[in-house]
C-alpha atoms as a PDB file:
ATOM      1  CA  UNK A   1      82.529 128.687  94.024  1.00  0.00           C
ATOM      2  CA  UNK A   2      80.933 125.510  93.107  1.00  0.00           C
ATOM      3  CA  UNK A   3      83.095 122.979  91.384  1.00  0.00           C
ATOM      4  CA  UNK A   4      81.899 120.843  88.721  1.00  0.00           C
ATOM      5  CA  UNK A   5      82.441 116.930  89.304  1.00  0.00           C
ATOM      6  CA  UNK A   6      83.776 116.434  85.815  1.00  0.00           C
ATOM      7  CA  UNK A   7      85.998 119.659  85.582  1.00  0.00           C
ATOM      8  CA  UNK A   8      89.648 118.699  86.187  1.00  0.00           C
ATOM      9  CA  UNK A   9      91.082 122.113  85.805  1.00  0.00           C
ATOM     10  CA  UNK A  10      88.549 123.694  88.270  1.00  0.00           C
ATOM     11  CA  UNK A  11      89.353 120.805  90.718  1.00  0.00           C
ATOM     12  CA  UNK A  12      93.178 121.593  90.218  1.00  0.00           C
ATOM     13  CA  UNK A  13      92.727 125.376  90.813  1.00  0.00           C
ATOM     14  CA  UNK A  14      90.770 124.539  94.053  1.00  0.00           C
ATOM     15  CA  UNK A  15      93.468 122.205  95.259  1.00  0.00           C
ATOM     16  CA  UNK A  16      95.989 124.985  94.631  1.00  0.00           C
ATOM     17  CA  UNK A  17      93.955 127.421  96.737  1.00  0.00           C
ATOM     18  CA  UNK A  18      93.316 124.860  99.498  1.00  0.00           C
ATOM     19  CA  UNK A  19      96.597 123.326  99.782  1.00  0.00           C
ATOM     20  CA  UNK A  20      99.094 126.042  98.577  1.00  0.00           C
ATOM     21  CA  UNK A  21     102.076 124.167 100.274  1.00  0.00           C
ATOM     22  CA  UNK A  22     101.836 121.425  97.658  1.00  0.00           C
ATOM     23  CA  UNK A  23     102.689 124.036  94.829  1.00  0.00           C
ATOM     24  CA  UNK A  24     105.576 126.001  96.172  1.00  0.00           C
ATOM     25  CA  UNK A  25     108.476 126.732  93.982  1.00  0.00           C
ATOM     26  CA  UNK A  26     112.179 126.815  94.971  1.00  0.00           C
ATOM     27  CA  UNK A  27     115.030 128.322  93.048  1.00  0.00           C
ATOM     28  CA  UNK A  28     116.849 125.717  90.841  1.00  0.00           C
ATOM     29  CA  UNK A  29     113.759 123.192  91.071  1.00  0.00           C
ATOM     30  CA  UNK A  30     111.220 122.147  88.833  1.00  0.00           C
ATOM     31  CA  UNK A  31     108.789 125.087  88.664  1.00  0.00           C
ATOM     32  CA  UNK A  32     104.996 124.727  88.671  1.00  0.00           C
ATOM     33  CA  UNK A  33     103.769 127.301  86.040  1.00  0.00           C
ATOM     34  CA  UNK A  34     100.707 129.489  86.945  1.00  0.00           C
ATOM     35  CA  UNK A  35      97.845 130.169  84.503  1.00  0.00           C
ATOM     36  CA  UNK A  36      98.702 127.296  82.072  1.00  0.00           C
ATOM     37  CA  UNK A  37      95.998 125.067  81.074  1.00  0.00           C
ATOM     38  CA  UNK A  38      97.905 122.710  78.689  1.00  0.00           C
ATOM     39  CA  UNK A  39     101.442 122.062  77.425  1.00  0.00           C
ATOM     40  CA  UNK A  40     102.091 120.838  73.960  1.00  0.00           C
ATOM     41  CA  UNK A  41      98.335 119.893  73.750  1.00  0.00           C
ATOM     42  CA  UNK A  42      98.502 117.866  76.996  1.00  0.00           C
ATOM     43  CA  UNK A  43      95.849 119.374  79.458  1.00  0.00           C
ATOM     44  CA  UNK A  44      96.682 119.865  83.100  1.00  0.00           C
ATOM     45  CA  UNK A  45      94.749 119.446  86.053  1.00  0.00           C
ATOM     46  CA  UNK A  46      93.270 116.707  88.250  1.00  0.00           C
ATOM     47  CA  UNK A  47      93.547 113.393  86.372  1.00  0.00           C
ATOM     48  CA  UNK A  48      91.682 111.307  88.857  1.00  0.00           C
ATOM     49  CA  UNK A  49      90.405 111.577  92.654  1.00  0.00           C
ATOM     50  CA  UNK A  50      88.437 109.565  95.031  1.00  0.00           C
ATOM     51  CA  UNK A  51      88.392 109.534  98.814  1.00  0.00           C
ATOM     52  CA  UNK A  52      91.789 108.274  99.121  1.00  0.00           C
ATOM     53  CA  UNK A  53      94.188 109.514  96.232  1.00  0.00           C
ATOM     54  CA  UNK A  54      94.304 112.415  93.883  1.00  0.00           C
ATOM     55  CA  UNK A  55      96.283 112.185  90.681  1.00  0.00           C
ATOM     56  CA  UNK A  56      97.301 115.533  89.197  1.00  0.00           C
ATOM     57  CA  UNK A  57      99.092 116.650  86.121  1.00  0.00           C
ATOM     58  CA  UNK A  58     101.266 119.754  86.803  1.00  0.00           C
ATOM     59  CA  UNK A  59     102.347 122.182  84.116  1.00  0.00           C
ATOM     60  CA  UNK A  60     106.138 122.635  84.813  1.00  0.00           C
ATOM     61  CA  UNK A  61     109.202 124.337  83.594  1.00  0.00           C
ATOM     62  CA  UNK A  62     112.410 122.252  84.199  1.00  0.00           C
ATOM     63  CA  UNK A  63     115.763 123.707  85.260  1.00  0.00           C
ATOM     64  CA  UNK A  64     117.051 123.808  81.578  1.00  0.00           C
ATOM     65  CA  UNK A  65     114.257 125.726  80.514  1.00  0.00           C
ATOM     66  CA  UNK A  66     112.122 122.962  78.770  1.00  0.00           C
ATOM     67  CA  UNK A  67     108.398 123.004  79.537  1.00  0.00           C
ATOM     68  CA  UNK A  68     106.370 119.952  80.069  1.00  0.00           C
ATOM     69  CA  UNK A  69     103.963 118.179  82.443  1.00  0.00           C
ATOM     70  CA  UNK A  70     104.519 116.155  85.464  1.00  0.00           C
ATOM     71  CA  UNK A  71     102.236 113.638  87.218  1.00  0.00           C
ATOM     72  CA  UNK A  72     101.793 113.505  91.022  1.00  0.00           C
ATOM     73  CA  UNK A  73      99.944 111.270  93.469  1.00  0.00           C
ATOM     74  CA  UNK A  74      98.620 112.903  96.406  1.00  0.00           C
ATOM     75  CA  UNK A  75      96.626 111.982  99.556  1.00  0.00           C
ATOM     76  CA  UNK A  76      92.986 113.293  99.081  1.00  0.00           C
ATOM     77  CA  UNK A  77      92.272 113.868 102.803  1.00  0.00           C
ATOM     78  CA  UNK A  78      95.298 115.952 103.139  1.00  0.00           C
ATOM     79  CA  UNK A  79      96.500 113.929 106.309  1.00  0.00           C
ATOM     80  CA  UNK A  80      99.664 111.801 106.118  1.00  0.00           C
ATOM     81  CA  UNK A  81      99.451 108.053 106.148  1.00  0.00           C
ATOM     82  CA  UNK A  82     100.540 106.254 109.191  1.00  0.00           C
ATOM     83  CA  UNK A  83     102.665 103.131 109.586  1.00  0.00           C
ATOM     84  CA  UNK A  84     102.781 101.360 112.903  1.00  0.00           C
ATOM     85  CA  UNK A  85     105.159  98.621 114.328  1.00  0.00           C
ATOM     86  CA  UNK A  86     103.347  96.787 117.302  1.00  0.00           C
ATOM     87  CA  UNK A  87     105.593  96.048 120.017  1.00  0.00           C
ATOM     88  CA  UNK A  88     104.935  93.310 122.693  1.00  0.00           C
ATOM     89  CA  UNK A  89     106.938  93.048 126.010  1.00  0.00           C
ATOM     90  CA  UNK A  90     108.574  96.266 125.623  1.00  0.00           C
ATOM     91  CA  UNK A  91     110.186  95.239 122.233  1.00  0.00           C
ATOM     92  CA  UNK A  92     110.695  91.785 123.024  1.00  0.00           C
ATOM     93  CA  UNK A  93     108.534  90.977 120.070  1.00  0.00           C
ATOM     94  CA  UNK A  94     107.037  92.666 117.138  1.00  0.00           C
ATOM     95  CA  UNK A  95     103.621  91.914 115.688  1.00  0.00           C
ATOM     96  CA  UNK A  96     103.331  91.347 111.823  1.00  0.00           C
ATOM     97  CA  UNK A  97     100.456  90.312 109.651  1.00  0.00           C
ATOM     98  CA  UNK A  98      99.843  88.676 106.416  1.00  0.00           C
ATOM     99  CA  UNK A  99      97.889  91.111 104.054  1.00  0.00           C
ATOM    100  CA  UNK A 100      96.614  90.224 100.710  1.00  0.00           C
ATOM    101  CA  UNK A 101      97.191  93.271  98.406  1.00  0.00           C
ATOM    102  CA  UNK A 102      94.995  93.988  95.403  1.00  0.00           C
ATOM    103  CA  UNK A 103      97.685  95.943  93.654  1.00  0.00           C
ATOM    104  CA  UNK A 104     100.316  93.280  93.560  1.00  0.00           C
ATOM    105  CA  UNK A 105      97.716  90.339  93.648  1.00  0.00           C
ATOM    106  CA  UNK A 106      99.732  88.759  96.245  1.00  0.00           C
ATOM    107  CA  UNK A 107      99.997  88.316 100.072  1.00  0.00           C
ATOM    108  CA  UNK A 108     102.584  90.322 101.765  1.00  0.00           C
ATOM    109  CA  UNK A 109     104.042  90.188 105.326  1.00  0.00           C
ATOM    110  CA  UNK A 110     103.692  93.756 106.722  1.00  0.00           C
ATOM    111  CA  UNK A 111     102.847  96.020 109.691  1.00  0.00           C
ATOM    112  CA  UNK A 112      99.404  97.639 110.215  1.00  0.00           C
ATOM    113  CA  UNK A 113      99.356 100.861 108.153  1.00  0.00           C
ATOM    114  CA  UNK A 114      96.642 103.025 106.408  1.00  0.00           C
ATOM    115  CA  UNK A 115      95.639 106.390 105.329  1.00  0.00           C
ATOM    116  CA  UNK A 116      95.352 109.193 107.766  1.00  0.00           C
ATOM    117  CA  UNK A 117      91.882 110.139 108.993  1.00  0.00           C
ATOM    118  CA  UNK A 118      90.778 113.732 108.824  1.00  0.00           C
ATOM    119  CA  UNK A 119      90.011 115.174 112.179  1.00  0.00           C
ATOM    120  CA  UNK A 120      92.258 112.933 114.107  1.00  0.00           C
ATOM    121  CA  UNK A 121      95.980 113.667 114.941  1.00  0.00           C
ATOM    122  CA  UNK A 122      98.439 111.275 113.340  1.00  0.00           C
ATOM    123  CA  UNK A 123      98.964 109.507 116.684  1.00  0.00           C
ATOM    124  CA  UNK A 124      95.160 109.024 116.916  1.00  0.00           C
ATOM    125  CA  UNK A 125      95.179 107.587 113.235  1.00  0.00           C
ATOM    126  CA  UNK A 126      97.910 105.138 114.312  1.00  0.00           C
ATOM    127  CA  UNK A 127      96.044 103.919 117.308  1.00  0.00           C
ATOM    128  CA  UNK A 128      93.048 103.579 115.145  1.00  0.00           C
ATOM    129  CA  UNK A 129      95.003 101.408 112.715  1.00  0.00           C
ATOM    130  CA  UNK A 130      96.084  99.213 115.423  1.00  0.00           C
ATOM    131  CA  UNK A 131      92.483  98.758 116.594  1.00  0.00           C
ATOM    132  CA  UNK A 132      91.130  98.079 113.329  1.00  0.00           C
ATOM    133  CA  UNK A 133      93.580  95.718 111.811  1.00  0.00           C
ATOM    134  CA  UNK A 134      94.870  93.604 114.837  1.00  0.00           C
ATOM    135  CA  UNK A 135      92.272  94.188 117.372  1.00  0.00           C
ATOM    136  CA  UNK A 136      94.963  95.879 119.792  1.00  0.00           C
ATOM    137  CA  UNK A 137      94.759  98.915 122.035  1.00  0.00           C
ATOM    138  CA  UNK A 138      97.743 101.234 121.828  1.00  0.00           C
ATOM    139  CA  UNK A 139      99.316 101.758 125.456  1.00  0.00           C
ATOM    140  CA  UNK A 140     102.170 104.131 124.157  1.00  0.00           C
ATOM    141  CA  UNK A 141     102.885 105.616 120.802  1.00  0.00           C
ATOM    142  CA  UNK A 142     106.525 106.506 119.878  1.00  0.00           C
ATOM    143  CA  UNK A 143     106.961 108.718 116.768  1.00  0.00           C
ATOM    144  CA  UNK A 144     109.817 107.398 114.396  1.00  0.00           C
ATOM    145  CA  UNK A 145     109.697 110.253 111.930  1.00  0.00           C
ATOM    146  CA  UNK A 146     108.698 110.911 108.362  1.00  0.00           C
ATOM    147  CA  UNK A 147     109.020 108.655 105.381  1.00  0.00           C
ATOM    148  CA  UNK A 148     108.703 109.843 101.626  1.00  0.00           C
ATOM    149  CA  UNK A 149     107.710 106.517 100.042  1.00  0.00           C
ATOM    150  CA  UNK A 150     108.370 107.553  96.455  1.00  0.00           C
ATOM    151  CA  UNK A 151     109.685 111.024  95.822  1.00  0.00           C
ATOM    152  CA  UNK A 152     109.626 110.685  92.072  1.00  0.00           C
ATOM    153  CA  UNK A 153     105.793 110.216  92.176  1.00  0.00           C
ATOM    154  CA  UNK A 154     104.129 110.720  95.561  1.00  0.00           C
ATOM    155  CA  UNK A 155     103.746 114.247  96.823  1.00  0.00           C
ATOM    156  CA  UNK A 156     102.708 113.311 100.420  1.00  0.00           C
ATOM    157  CA  UNK A 157     104.486 111.624 103.266  1.00  0.00           C
ATOM    158  CA  UNK A 158     103.788 108.961 105.905  1.00  0.00           C
ATOM    159  CA  UNK A 159     104.515 109.033 109.543  1.00  0.00           C
ATOM    160  CA  UNK A 160     106.270 106.037 111.210  1.00  0.00           C
ATOM    161  CA  UNK A 161     105.411 104.835 114.667  1.00  0.00           C
ATOM    162  CA  UNK A 162     106.392 102.327 117.226  1.00  0.00           C
ATOM    163  CA  UNK A 163     103.172 101.212 119.258  1.00  0.00           C
ATOM    164  CA  UNK A 164     103.484  99.468 122.474  1.00  0.00           C
ATOM    165  CA  UNK A 165     100.688  96.994 123.132  1.00  0.00           C
ATOM    166  CA  UNK A 166      99.813  94.285 125.633  1.00  0.00           C
ATOM    167  CA  UNK A 167      98.097  91.922 123.223  1.00  0.00           C
ATOM    168  CA  UNK A 168      96.388  91.659 120.010  1.00  0.00           C
ATOM    169  CA  UNK A 169      92.856  90.011 118.747  1.00  0.00           C
ATOM    170  CA  UNK A 170      91.585  88.766 115.389  1.00  0.00           C
ATOM    171  CA  UNK A 171      92.747  90.199 112.082  1.00  0.00           C
ATOM    172  CA  UNK A 172      90.494  92.401 109.961  1.00  0.00           C
ATOM    173  CA  UNK A 173      89.752  89.640 107.506  1.00  0.00           C
ATOM    174  CA  UNK A 174      87.533  91.909 105.488  1.00  0.00           C
ATOM    175  CA  UNK A 175      90.550  93.879 104.520  1.00  0.00           C
ATOM    176  CA  UNK A 176      92.306  91.050 103.178  1.00  0.00           C
ATOM    177  CA  UNK A 177      94.296  90.375 106.316  1.00  0.00           C
ATOM    178  CA  UNK A 178      94.927  86.755 106.767  1.00  0.00           C
ATOM    179  CA  UNK A 179      96.840  86.272 109.882  1.00  0.00           C
ATOM    180  CA  UNK A 180      98.469  88.069 112.677  1.00  0.00           C
ATOM    181  CA  UNK A 181     101.516  86.709 114.453  1.00  0.00           C
ATOM    182  CA  UNK A 182     104.481  87.827 116.510  1.00  0.00           C
ATOM    183  CA  UNK A 183     108.268  87.138 116.115  1.00  0.00           C
ATOM    184  CA  UNK A 184     111.278  88.214 117.776  1.00  0.00           C
ATOM    185  CA  UNK A 185     112.866  91.375 116.283  1.00  0.00           C
ATOM    186  CA  UNK A 186     115.725  89.530 114.859  1.00  0.00           C
ATOM    187  CA  UNK A 187     113.367  87.001 113.158  1.00  0.00           C
ATOM    188  CA  UNK A 188     111.484  89.948 111.685  1.00  0.00           C
ATOM    189  CA  UNK A 189     114.692  91.446 110.387  1.00  0.00           C
ATOM    190  CA  UNK A 190     115.624  87.974 108.870  1.00  0.00           C
ATOM    191  CA  UNK A 191     112.471  88.182 106.973  1.00  0.00           C
ATOM    192  CA  UNK A 192     113.708  91.511 105.542  1.00  0.00           C
ATOM    193  CA  UNK A 193     117.312  89.930 104.850  1.00  0.00           C
ATOM    194  CA  UNK A 194     115.728  86.798 103.085  1.00  0.00           C
ATOM    195  CA  UNK A 195     113.336  88.730 101.002  1.00  0.00           C
ATOM    196  CA  UNK A 196     110.249  87.475 102.899  1.00  0.00           C
ATOM    197  CA  UNK A 197     109.196  90.960 103.680  1.00  0.00           C
ATOM    198  CA  UNK A 198     109.390  93.201 100.511  1.00  0.00           C
ATOM    199  CA  UNK A 199     106.922  95.965 101.839  1.00  0.00           C
ATOM    200  CA  UNK A 200     108.989  99.186 101.852  1.00  0.00           C
ATOM    201  CA  UNK A 201     106.973 100.659 104.892  1.00  0.00           C
ATOM    202  CA  UNK A 202     107.591  97.685 106.877  1.00  0.00           C
ATOM    203  CA  UNK A 203     111.335  97.706 106.093  1.00  0.00           C
ATOM    204  CA  UNK A 204     111.427 101.296 106.841  1.00  0.00           C
ATOM    205  CA  UNK A 205     109.719 101.155 110.364  1.00  0.00           C
ATOM    206  CA  UNK A 206     111.765  98.064 111.544  1.00  0.00           C
ATOM    207  CA  UNK A 207     114.927  99.990 110.625  1.00  0.00           C
ATOM    208  CA  UNK A 208     113.862 103.205 112.503  1.00  0.00           C
ATOM    209  CA  UNK A 209     112.798 101.259 115.529  1.00  0.00           C
ATOM    210  CA  UNK A 210     116.104  99.350 115.490  1.00  0.00           C
ATOM    211  CA  UNK A 211     118.211 102.683 115.108  1.00  0.00           C
ATOM    212  CA  UNK A 212     116.017 104.262 117.949  1.00  0.00           C
ATOM    213  CA  UNK A 213     116.915 101.214 120.421  1.00  0.00           C
ATOM    214  CA  UNK A 214     113.465 100.137 120.762  1.00  0.00           C
ATOM    215  CA  UNK A 215     113.882  96.512 119.659  1.00  0.00           C
ATOM    216  CA  UNK A 216     115.599  93.755 122.127  1.00  0.00           C
ATOM    217  CA  UNK A 217     118.251  91.642 120.888  1.00  0.00           C
ATOM    218  CA  UNK A 218     120.827  92.046 118.066  1.00  0.00           C
ATOM    219  CA  UNK A 219     119.990  90.930 114.438  1.00  0.00           C
END
């Protein structure tokens, strides 16, 4: 079936067919309703989509019986995002970058991360981000588990990785990355402690790496 570009309901129905896991109902949860096109005059469907994100408005029934709508943000490619913690010297140093972010209109100290790439495994997407953002080659990739960045809004998840590298090159300045630098793990954690690092993905991957015993020294 051909989906019209400006038909949010048809886009929504196609998404339900293509990715049914996003629309599962569990007993006692918030139920996504079938065959409903609007609730109290509010239309449901795909509110917005581009190659990176899709915003949907679901028709739902809450556990107390009320009907309403609920907004969710989904990843358009259907692949999880990836967050990478580059490690030098087997964990003696971590590599960070200064990245100007449009959403906050500010520069943040972060680790390399990005959207998943359709057709690539999650590990391959992680290696790709390392190469694109800091000019490094992944020597070993260590999975650190799954992260749900905002369970109240975001329907997808992100995969966390530690990536062993031997060095790094120039930052991807065209993406707003101003500087790449390496610090001791304790120094990176101190940047979290003092509030210099506020990016939730960076805080999470540092914590997972520390708990996995991949970082040298004691914070």
